[in-house]
Amino acid sequence: MSKTIVLYYSATGTTKRAAQAVANQLNADLAAIHPVKPYTAEDLNWHDETTRATVEQKQEHDGRVPIEDDLPDLGEYDNVIIGHPIWWGIPPRLIATTIDHLDLNGKVLATFGTSSSTGYDRAQTNVARTVRENGFQLDLQQGDVLNSPARLTAWVNSLNLK
């Protein structure tokens, strides 16, 4: 029987709630991703070009943000789902760090974002590039922005998991 885990990063609680709903629908395990230095409200002020998140997100693609070394061992999982907010049209840089730290070979990987105003196309491209740079051989599913219960359920139902 296949096993699924939902990993997520949430700065405000929105992505955490979506990740919990996805995990509940899939009867999956759930684990949080933690940045080494947590984000403050000031760090996330997207109106200020000098804030931490703004500066990080405007780096080239290879920019990374350190994460805590507390990710679960994925050996027992066939399917990995990663949830994240969308900042400046893409996942926070710590999602690329997370992908770098995981052994995703042979897995099904699906990602989702939370945003009230942004689509998932740029985020999907960003995730696909990180997967490619790591040389992972995996099944990357199409991600989506999960901004309503109906959209969340539709996306979960569209996944082709092992």
N, C-alpha and C. Protein backbone atom coordinates (compact mmCIF):
# COMPACT_ATOMS: atom_id res chain seq x y z
N MET A 1 0.85 -1.18 0.00
CA MET A 1 0.00 0.00 0.00
C MET A 1 0.89 1.24 0.00
N SER A 2 0.54 2.21 -0.81
CA SER A 2 1.37 3.41 -0.93
C SER A 2 1.13 4.36 0.25
N LYS A 3 2.16 5.17 0.51
CA LYS A 3 2.08 6.15 1.59
C LYS A 3 2.37 7.53 1.03
N THR A 4 1.68 8.51 1.60
CA THR A 4 1.82 9.90 1.17
C THR A 4 2.16 10.77 2.37
N ILE A 5 3.01 11.75 2.13
CA ILE A 5 3.30 12.76 3.14
C ILE A 5 3.10 14.14 2.54
N VAL A 6 2.55 15.03 3.32
CA VAL A 6 2.38 16.43 2.94
C VAL A 6 3.35 17.25 3.78
N LEU A 7 4.31 17.87 3.12
CA LEU A 7 5.23 18.81 3.76
C LEU A 7 4.74 20.21 3.44
N TYR A 8 4.88 21.13 4.36
CA TYR A 8 4.40 22.48 4.08
C TYR A 8 5.20 23.52 4.83
N TYR A 9 5.26 24.71 4.23
CA TYR A 9 5.75 25.89 4.93
C TYR A 9 4.61 26.89 4.97
N SER A 10 4.36 27.45 6.13
CA SER A 10 3.29 28.43 6.29
C SER A 10 3.78 29.55 7.19
N ALA A 11 3.75 30.77 6.68
CA ALA A 11 4.17 31.93 7.48
C ALA A 11 3.01 32.50 8.28
N THR A 12 1.78 32.36 7.77
CA THR A 12 0.63 33.02 8.40
C THR A 12 -0.45 32.05 8.87
N GLY A 13 -0.33 30.79 8.52
CA GLY A 13 -1.34 29.80 8.89
C GLY A 13 -2.22 29.37 7.73
N THR A 14 -2.26 30.14 6.66
CA THR A 14 -3.11 29.82 5.51
C THR A 14 -2.66 28.52 4.84
N THR A 15 -1.38 28.40 4.56
CA THR A 15 -0.88 27.19 3.91
C THR A 15 -0.98 25.99 4.84
N LYS A 16 -0.78 26.20 6.12
CA LYS A 16 -0.93 25.11 7.09
C LYS A 16 -2.34 24.53 7.04
N ARG A 17 -3.34 25.41 6.99
CA ARG A 17 -4.73 24.93 6.93
C ARG A 17 -4.98 24.15 5.63
N ALA A 18 -4.45 24.64 4.52
CA ALA A 18 -4.61 23.92 3.25
C ALA A 18 -3.90 22.57 3.30
N ALA A 19 -2.70 22.55 3.86
CA ALA A 19 -1.93 21.30 3.96
C ALA A 19 -2.67 20.28 4.84
N GLN A 20 -3.25 20.75 5.92
CA GLN A 20 -4.02 19.85 6.79
C GLN A 20 -5.22 19.27 6.04
N ALA A 21 -5.88 20.10 5.24
CA ALA A 21 -7.04 19.63 4.47
C ALA A 21 -6.61 18.61 3.42
N VAL A 22 -5.49 18.87 2.72
CA VAL A 22 -4.98 17.91 1.74
C VAL A 22 -4.63 16.60 2.43
N ALA A 23 -3.91 16.68 3.54
CA ALA A 23 -3.52 15.47 4.27
C ALA A 23 -4.74 14.69 4.75
N ASN A 24 -5.76 15.39 5.21
CA ASN A 24 -6.99 14.72 5.65
C ASN A 24 -7.67 14.00 4.50
N GLN A 25 -7.76 14.66 3.34
CA GLN A 25 -8.42 14.03 2.19
C GLN A 25 -7.66 12.80 1.69
N LEU A 26 -6.34 12.82 1.83
CA LEU A 26 -5.52 11.71 1.33
C LEU A 26 -5.12 10.72 2.41
N ASN A 27 -5.55 10.96 3.63
CA ASN A 27 -5.11 10.14 4.77
C ASN A 27 -3.59 10.06 4.79
N ALA A 28 -2.95 11.23 4.66
CA ALA A 28 -1.50 11.33 4.55
C ALA A 28 -0.89 11.85 5.85
N ASP A 29 0.38 11.59 6.01
CA ASP A 29 1.13 12.19 7.11
C ASP A 29 1.39 13.65 6.79
N LEU A 30 1.71 14.42 7.82
CA LEU A 30 1.86 15.87 7.69
C LEU A 30 3.10 16.31 8.46
N ALA A 31 3.92 17.18 7.86
CA ALA A 31 5.10 17.70 8.55
C ALA A 31 5.39 19.12 8.06
N ALA A 32 5.80 19.97 8.97
CA ALA A 32 6.11 21.36 8.64
C ALA A 32 7.57 21.51 8.24
N ILE A 33 7.82 22.49 7.38
CA ILE A 33 9.16 22.90 6.99
C ILE A 33 9.46 24.17 7.79
N HIS A 34 10.62 24.23 8.43
CA HIS A 34 10.95 25.37 9.28
C HIS A 34 12.19 26.09 8.78
N PRO A 35 12.10 27.39 8.51
CA PRO A 35 13.32 28.14 8.19
C PRO A 35 14.18 28.25 9.44
N VAL A 36 15.50 28.31 9.27
CA VAL A 36 16.39 28.48 10.41
C VAL A 36 16.04 29.78 11.14
N LYS A 37 15.79 30.82 10.37
CA LYS A 37 15.39 32.11 10.95
C LYS A 37 13.93 32.35 10.57
N PRO A 38 13.01 32.22 11.53
CA PRO A 38 11.59 32.44 11.22
C PRO A 38 11.33 33.84 10.66
N TYR A 39 10.31 33.94 9.82
CA TYR A 39 9.93 35.23 9.24
C TYR A 39 9.04 35.99 10.21
N THR A 40 9.29 37.29 10.30
CA THR A 40 8.44 38.18 11.10
C THR A 40 7.47 38.89 10.15
N ALA A 41 6.48 39.56 10.71
CA ALA A 41 5.55 40.34 9.88
C ALA A 41 6.30 41.39 9.08
N GLU A 42 7.31 42.00 9.69
CA GLU A 42 8.10 43.01 8.98
C GLU A 42 8.86 42.39 7.80
N ASP A 43 9.36 41.17 7.99
CA ASP A 43 10.08 40.48 6.91
C ASP A 43 9.19 40.25 5.69
N LEU A 44 7.88 40.15 5.90
CA LEU A 44 6.95 39.78 4.83
C LEU A 44 6.25 40.98 4.19
N ASN A 45 6.63 42.19 4.54
CA ASN A 45 6.00 43.39 3.99
C ASN A 45 6.41 43.56 2.53
N TRP A 46 5.57 43.11 1.63
CA TRP A 46 5.92 43.13 0.20
C TRP A 46 5.87 44.52 -0.41
N HIS A 47 5.39 45.51 0.33
CA HIS A 47 5.39 46.90 -0.16
C HIS A 47 6.75 47.55 0.01
N ASP A 48 7.63 46.95 0.80
CA ASP A 48 8.95 47.50 1.10
C ASP A 48 10.01 46.68 0.38
N GLU A 49 10.72 47.31 -0.55
CA GLU A 49 11.74 46.62 -1.36
C GLU A 49 12.93 46.13 -0.54
N THR A 50 13.07 46.60 0.70
CA THR A 50 14.24 46.23 1.49
C THR A 50 13.97 45.12 2.51
N THR A 51 12.75 44.61 2.55
CA THR A 51 12.46 43.57 3.54
C THR A 51 13.14 42.26 3.18
N ARG A 52 13.31 41.43 4.17
CA ARG A 52 13.99 40.15 3.99
C ARG A 52 13.38 39.31 2.87
N ALA A 53 12.06 39.11 2.91
CA ALA A 53 11.42 38.26 1.90
C ALA A 53 11.55 38.85 0.51
N THR A 54 11.41 40.17 0.39
CA THR A 54 11.54 40.81 -0.92
C THR A 54 12.94 40.60 -1.48
N VAL A 55 13.95 40.83 -0.67
CA VAL A 55 15.33 40.66 -1.12
C VAL A 55 15.59 39.20 -1.51
N GLU A 56 15.14 38.26 -0.68
CA GLU A 56 15.34 36.84 -0.99
C GLU A 56 14.64 36.43 -2.28
N GLN A 57 13.42 36.87 -2.46
CA GLN A 57 12.64 36.44 -3.62
C GLN A 57 13.16 37.04 -4.92
N LYS A 58 13.87 38.15 -4.84
CA LYS A 58 14.37 38.79 -6.06
C LYS A 58 15.77 38.30 -6.43
N GLN A 59 16.28 37.30 -5.71
CA GLN A 59 17.55 36.68 -6.06
C GLN A 59 17.37 35.88 -7.35
N GLU A 60 18.49 35.52 -7.95
CA GLU A 60 18.43 34.60 -9.07
C GLU A 60 17.86 33.27 -8.58
N HIS A 61 17.52 32.39 -9.52
CA HIS A 61 16.90 31.12 -9.16
C HIS A 61 17.71 30.31 -8.16
N ASP A 62 19.02 30.43 -8.20
CA ASP A 62 19.83 29.60 -7.31
C ASP A 62 19.86 30.11 -5.87
N GLY A 63 19.16 31.19 -5.56
CA GLY A 63 19.08 31.67 -4.19
C GLY A 63 18.40 30.63 -3.30
N ARG A 64 18.93 30.45 -2.11
CA ARG A 64 18.39 29.48 -1.16
C ARG A 64 18.29 30.13 0.22
N VAL A 65 17.36 29.63 1.02
CA VAL A 65 17.18 30.07 2.41
C VAL A 65 17.38 28.84 3.29
N PRO A 66 18.24 28.93 4.30
CA PRO A 66 18.48 27.77 5.17
C PRO A 66 17.22 27.30 5.90
N ILE A 67 17.10 25.98 6.01
CA ILE A 67 15.98 25.38 6.75
C ILE A 67 16.54 24.53 7.89
N GLU A 68 15.69 24.28 8.87
CA GLU A 68 16.07 23.40 9.98
C GLU A 68 16.28 21.98 9.44
N ASP A 69 17.15 21.26 10.08
CA ASP A 69 17.45 19.89 9.68
C ASP A 69 16.50 18.92 10.38
N ASP A 70 15.19 19.13 10.14
CA ASP A 70 14.20 18.28 10.81
C ASP A 70 13.19 17.68 9.84
N LEU A 71 13.59 17.57 8.57
CA LEU A 71 12.69 16.96 7.59
C LEU A 71 12.60 15.46 7.84
N PRO A 72 11.43 14.87 7.62
CA PRO A 72 11.30 13.43 7.83
C PRO A 72 12.04 12.63 6.76
N ASP A 73 12.40 11.40 7.11
CA ASP A 73 12.98 10.47 6.16
C ASP A 73 11.86 10.03 5.22
N LEU A 74 12.08 10.18 3.93
CA LEU A 74 11.03 9.87 2.95
C LEU A 74 11.08 8.42 2.46
N GLY A 75 11.93 7.61 3.04
CA GLY A 75 12.09 6.23 2.58
C GLY A 75 10.81 5.43 2.51
N GLU A 76 9.89 5.66 3.43
CA GLU A 76 8.65 4.88 3.46
C GLU A 76 7.53 5.48 2.62
N TYR A 77 7.79 6.62 1.97
CA TYR A 77 6.74 7.31 1.22
C TYR A 77 6.91 7.15 -0.28
N ASP A 78 5.79 6.96 -0.97
CA ASP A 78 5.77 6.89 -2.43
C ASP A 78 5.43 8.25 -3.03
N ASN A 79 4.63 9.02 -2.30
CA ASN A 79 4.11 10.30 -2.78
C ASN A 79 4.50 11.40 -1.81
N VAL A 80 5.02 12.49 -2.37
CA VAL A 80 5.40 13.65 -1.56
C VAL A 80 4.67 14.86 -2.11
N ILE A 81 3.97 15.54 -1.24
CA ILE A 81 3.26 16.76 -1.60
C ILE A 81 3.88 17.89 -0.79
N ILE A 82 4.22 18.99 -1.46
CA ILE A 82 4.80 20.14 -0.78
C ILE A 82 3.89 21.34 -0.98
N GLY A 83 3.46 21.94 0.12
CA GLY A 83 2.61 23.12 0.08
C GLY A 83 3.38 24.35 0.54
N HIS A 84 3.07 25.48 -0.06
CA HIS A 84 3.79 26.71 0.24
C HIS A 84 2.95 27.92 -0.12
N PRO A 85 3.23 29.06 0.50
CA PRO A 85 2.61 30.30 0.01
C PRO A 85 3.29 30.68 -1.32
N ILE A 86 2.69 31.58 -2.03
CA ILE A 86 3.33 32.12 -3.23
C ILE A 86 3.75 33.54 -2.91
N TRP A 87 5.04 33.78 -3.03
CA TRP A 87 5.61 35.10 -2.78
C TRP A 87 6.24 35.59 -4.08
N TRP A 88 5.80 36.73 -4.55
CA TRP A 88 6.33 37.32 -5.78
C TRP A 88 6.21 36.34 -6.94
N GLY A 89 5.12 35.59 -6.97
CA GLY A 89 4.80 34.70 -8.08
C GLY A 89 5.42 33.31 -8.02
N ILE A 90 6.29 33.08 -7.04
CA ILE A 90 6.99 31.79 -6.94
C ILE A 90 6.99 31.30 -5.48
N PRO A 91 7.40 30.05 -5.26
CA PRO A 91 7.51 29.57 -3.88
C PRO A 91 8.59 30.34 -3.12
N PRO A 92 8.46 30.45 -1.81
CA PRO A 92 9.57 31.01 -1.03
C PRO A 92 10.84 30.22 -1.32
N ARG A 93 11.98 30.88 -1.25
CA ARG A 93 13.26 30.23 -1.59
C ARG A 93 13.54 29.00 -0.74
N LEU A 94 12.94 28.92 0.44
CA LEU A 94 13.20 27.75 1.29
C LEU A 94 12.57 26.48 0.72
N ILE A 95 11.65 26.60 -0.23
CA ILE A 95 11.09 25.40 -0.87
C ILE A 95 12.15 24.76 -1.77
N ALA A 96 12.93 25.57 -2.48
CA ALA A 96 14.03 25.01 -3.27
C ALA A 96 15.04 24.33 -2.36
N THR A 97 15.34 24.96 -1.22
CA THR A 97 16.24 24.34 -0.24
C THR A 97 15.69 22.99 0.21
N THR A 98 14.39 22.94 0.47
CA THR A 98 13.74 21.69 0.90
C THR A 98 13.91 20.61 -0.17
N ILE A 99 13.61 20.95 -1.42
CA ILE A 99 13.75 19.98 -2.51
C ILE A 99 15.20 19.51 -2.61
N ASP A 100 16.15 20.44 -2.45
CA ASP A 100 17.57 20.07 -2.48
C ASP A 100 17.91 19.03 -1.41
N HIS A 101 17.27 19.11 -0.25
CA HIS A 101 17.60 18.26 0.89
C HIS A 101 16.89 16.90 0.89
N LEU A 102 15.92 16.72 0.03
CA LEU A 102 15.14 15.48 0.01
C LEU A 102 15.66 14.51 -1.04
N ASP A 103 15.46 13.23 -0.80
CA ASP A 103 15.72 12.22 -1.82
C ASP A 103 14.39 11.89 -2.48
N LEU A 104 14.15 12.49 -3.63
CA LEU A 104 12.86 12.36 -4.31
C LEU A 104 12.90 11.37 -5.48
N ASN A 105 14.02 10.73 -5.71
CA ASN A 105 14.09 9.77 -6.81
C ASN A 105 13.04 8.68 -6.67
N GLY A 106 12.32 8.44 -7.77
CA GLY A 106 11.31 7.39 -7.81
C GLY A 106 9.99 7.76 -7.16
N LYS A 107 9.87 8.98 -6.67
CA LYS A 107 8.65 9.41 -5.99
C LYS A 107 7.70 10.10 -6.96
N VAL A 108 6.47 10.25 -6.53
CA VAL A 108 5.53 11.17 -7.16
C VAL A 108 5.62 12.45 -6.34
N LEU A 109 5.85 13.58 -7.00
CA LEU A 109 5.92 14.87 -6.32
C LEU A 109 4.81 15.76 -6.85
N ALA A 110 4.06 16.32 -5.93
CA ALA A 110 3.03 17.31 -6.27
C ALA A 110 3.23 18.50 -5.35
N THR A 111 3.05 19.69 -5.89
CA THR A 111 3.18 20.90 -5.08
C THR A 111 1.95 21.76 -5.24
N PHE A 112 1.64 22.51 -4.20
CA PHE A 112 0.54 23.47 -4.28
C PHE A 112 0.93 24.75 -3.57
N GLY A 113 0.27 25.81 -3.96
CA GLY A 113 0.50 27.10 -3.33
C GLY A 113 -0.78 27.68 -2.79
N THR A 114 -0.61 28.67 -1.94
CA THR A 114 -1.75 29.45 -1.46
C THR A 114 -1.49 30.90 -1.81
N SER A 115 -2.51 31.53 -2.37
CA SER A 115 -2.43 32.93 -2.76
C SER A 115 -3.83 33.41 -3.07
N SER A 116 -4.09 34.66 -2.78
CA SER A 116 -5.41 35.20 -3.11
C SER A 116 -5.44 35.82 -4.50
N SER A 117 -4.26 35.96 -5.14
CA SER A 117 -4.26 36.69 -6.41
C SER A 117 -3.33 36.15 -7.48
N THR A 118 -2.58 35.10 -7.20
CA THR A 118 -1.57 34.63 -8.15
C THR A 118 -1.88 33.22 -8.61
N GLY A 119 -1.64 32.94 -9.89
CA GLY A 119 -1.78 31.59 -10.41
C GLY A 119 -0.56 30.75 -10.09
N TYR A 120 -0.51 29.52 -10.61
CA TYR A 120 0.56 28.59 -10.25
C TYR A 120 1.59 28.36 -11.36
N ASP A 121 1.43 28.96 -12.52
CA ASP A 121 2.32 28.66 -13.64
C ASP A 121 3.79 28.93 -13.32
N ARG A 122 4.11 30.12 -12.83
CA ARG A 122 5.52 30.44 -12.51
C ARG A 122 6.04 29.56 -11.39
N ALA A 123 5.20 29.26 -10.41
CA ALA A 123 5.62 28.39 -9.30
C ALA A 123 5.94 26.99 -9.82
N GLN A 124 5.11 26.46 -10.72
CA GLN A 124 5.34 25.13 -11.29
C GLN A 124 6.66 25.11 -12.06
N THR A 125 6.92 26.14 -12.84
CA THR A 125 8.17 26.24 -13.58
C THR A 125 9.36 26.27 -12.63
N ASN A 126 9.23 27.02 -11.55
CA ASN A 126 10.29 27.14 -10.55
C ASN A 126 10.57 25.79 -9.90
N VAL A 127 9.53 25.08 -9.49
CA VAL A 127 9.70 23.76 -8.87
C VAL A 127 10.32 22.78 -9.88
N ALA A 128 9.83 22.78 -11.11
CA ALA A 128 10.36 21.87 -12.13
C ALA A 128 11.85 22.12 -12.37
N ARG A 129 12.26 23.38 -12.37
CA ARG A 129 13.67 23.71 -12.56
C ARG A 129 14.51 23.16 -11.40
N THR A 130 14.02 23.32 -10.18
CA THR A 130 14.76 22.82 -9.01
C THR A 130 14.87 21.30 -9.06
N VAL A 131 13.80 20.62 -9.45
CA VAL A 131 13.83 19.16 -9.59
C VAL A 131 14.86 18.76 -10.64
N ARG A 132 14.84 19.45 -11.78
CA ARG A 132 15.77 19.15 -12.88
C ARG A 132 17.22 19.39 -12.43
N GLU A 133 17.47 20.49 -11.72
CA GLU A 133 18.83 20.80 -11.26
C GLU A 133 19.37 19.74 -10.31
N ASN A 134 18.48 19.09 -9.58
CA ASN A 134 18.90 18.04 -8.65
C ASN A 134 19.02 16.68 -9.34
N GLY A 135 18.60 16.59 -10.60
CA GLY A 135 18.72 15.35 -11.35
C GLY A 135 17.77 14.25 -10.89
N PHE A 136 16.69 14.64 -10.23
CA PHE A 136 15.74 13.63 -9.74
C PHE A 136 14.97 12.99 -10.88
N GLN A 137 14.79 11.69 -10.79
CA GLN A 137 13.93 10.95 -11.70
C GLN A 137 12.64 10.70 -10.93
N LEU A 138 11.61 11.47 -11.26
CA LEU A 138 10.35 11.37 -10.52
C LEU A 138 9.20 11.78 -11.41
N ASP A 139 8.01 11.59 -10.90
CA ASP A 139 6.78 11.98 -11.59
C ASP A 139 6.30 13.28 -10.96
N LEU A 140 6.53 14.40 -11.64
CA LEU A 140 6.11 15.71 -11.14
C LEU A 140 4.70 16.00 -11.63
N GLN A 141 3.77 16.08 -10.70
CA GLN A 141 2.37 16.36 -11.01
C GLN A 141 2.15 17.87 -11.18
N GLN A 142 1.07 18.25 -11.84
CA GLN A 142 0.73 19.66 -12.01
C GLN A 142 0.23 20.24 -10.69
N GLY A 143 0.83 21.34 -10.27
CA GLY A 143 0.41 22.01 -9.05
C GLY A 143 -0.73 22.97 -9.30
N ASP A 144 -1.23 23.56 -8.23
CA ASP A 144 -2.32 24.53 -8.34
C ASP A 144 -2.31 25.43 -7.11
N VAL A 145 -3.03 26.53 -7.23
CA VAL A 145 -3.28 27.41 -6.09
C VAL A 145 -4.56 26.93 -5.43
N LEU A 146 -4.47 26.60 -4.17
CA LEU A 146 -5.63 26.07 -3.44
C LEU A 146 -6.23 27.19 -2.60
N ASN A 147 -7.09 27.98 -3.23
CA ASN A 147 -7.66 29.15 -2.55
C ASN A 147 -9.13 29.00 -2.21
N SER A 148 -9.66 27.78 -2.33
CA SER A 148 -11.04 27.52 -1.91
C SER A 148 -11.17 26.02 -1.64
N PRO A 149 -12.13 25.63 -0.80
CA PRO A 149 -12.32 24.20 -0.54
C PRO A 149 -12.63 23.40 -1.81
N ALA A 150 -13.41 23.97 -2.71
CA ALA A 150 -13.76 23.25 -3.94
C ALA A 150 -12.52 23.05 -4.81
N ARG A 151 -11.69 24.07 -4.91
CA ARG A 151 -10.48 23.95 -5.73
C ARG A 151 -9.51 22.94 -5.11
N LEU A 152 -9.41 22.95 -3.80
CA LEU A 152 -8.55 22.00 -3.11
C LEU A 152 -9.00 20.57 -3.40
N THR A 153 -10.28 20.30 -3.26
CA THR A 153 -10.81 18.95 -3.51
C THR A 153 -10.60 18.55 -4.97
N ALA A 154 -10.85 19.47 -5.90
CA ALA A 154 -10.66 19.17 -7.32
C ALA A 154 -9.20 18.83 -7.61
N TRP A 155 -8.27 19.59 -7.02
CA TRP A 155 -6.85 19.33 -7.25
C TRP A 155 -6.45 17.97 -6.67
N VAL A 156 -6.86 17.70 -5.44
CA VAL A 156 -6.54 16.40 -4.82
C VAL A 156 -7.07 15.26 -5.70
N ASN A 157 -8.29 15.41 -6.19
CA ASN A 157 -8.88 14.36 -7.04
C ASN A 157 -8.17 14.21 -8.38
N SER A 158 -7.47 15.25 -8.83
CA SER A 158 -6.77 15.20 -10.12
C SER A 158 -5.40 14.52 -10.02
N LEU A 159 -4.89 14.34 -8.82
CA LEU A 159 -3.56 13.77 -8.65
C LEU A 159 -3.52 12.31 -9.07
N ASN A 160 -2.42 11.93 -9.69
CA ASN A 160 -2.20 10.54 -10.08
C ASN A 160 -1.11 9.98 -9.17
N LEU A 161 -1.51 9.63 -7.96
CA LEU A 161 -0.57 9.15 -6.96
C LEU A 161 -0.40 7.64 -7.07
N LYS A 162 0.71 7.15 -6.54
CA LYS A 162 0.97 5.70 -6.53
C LYS A 162 0.04 5.03 -5.54
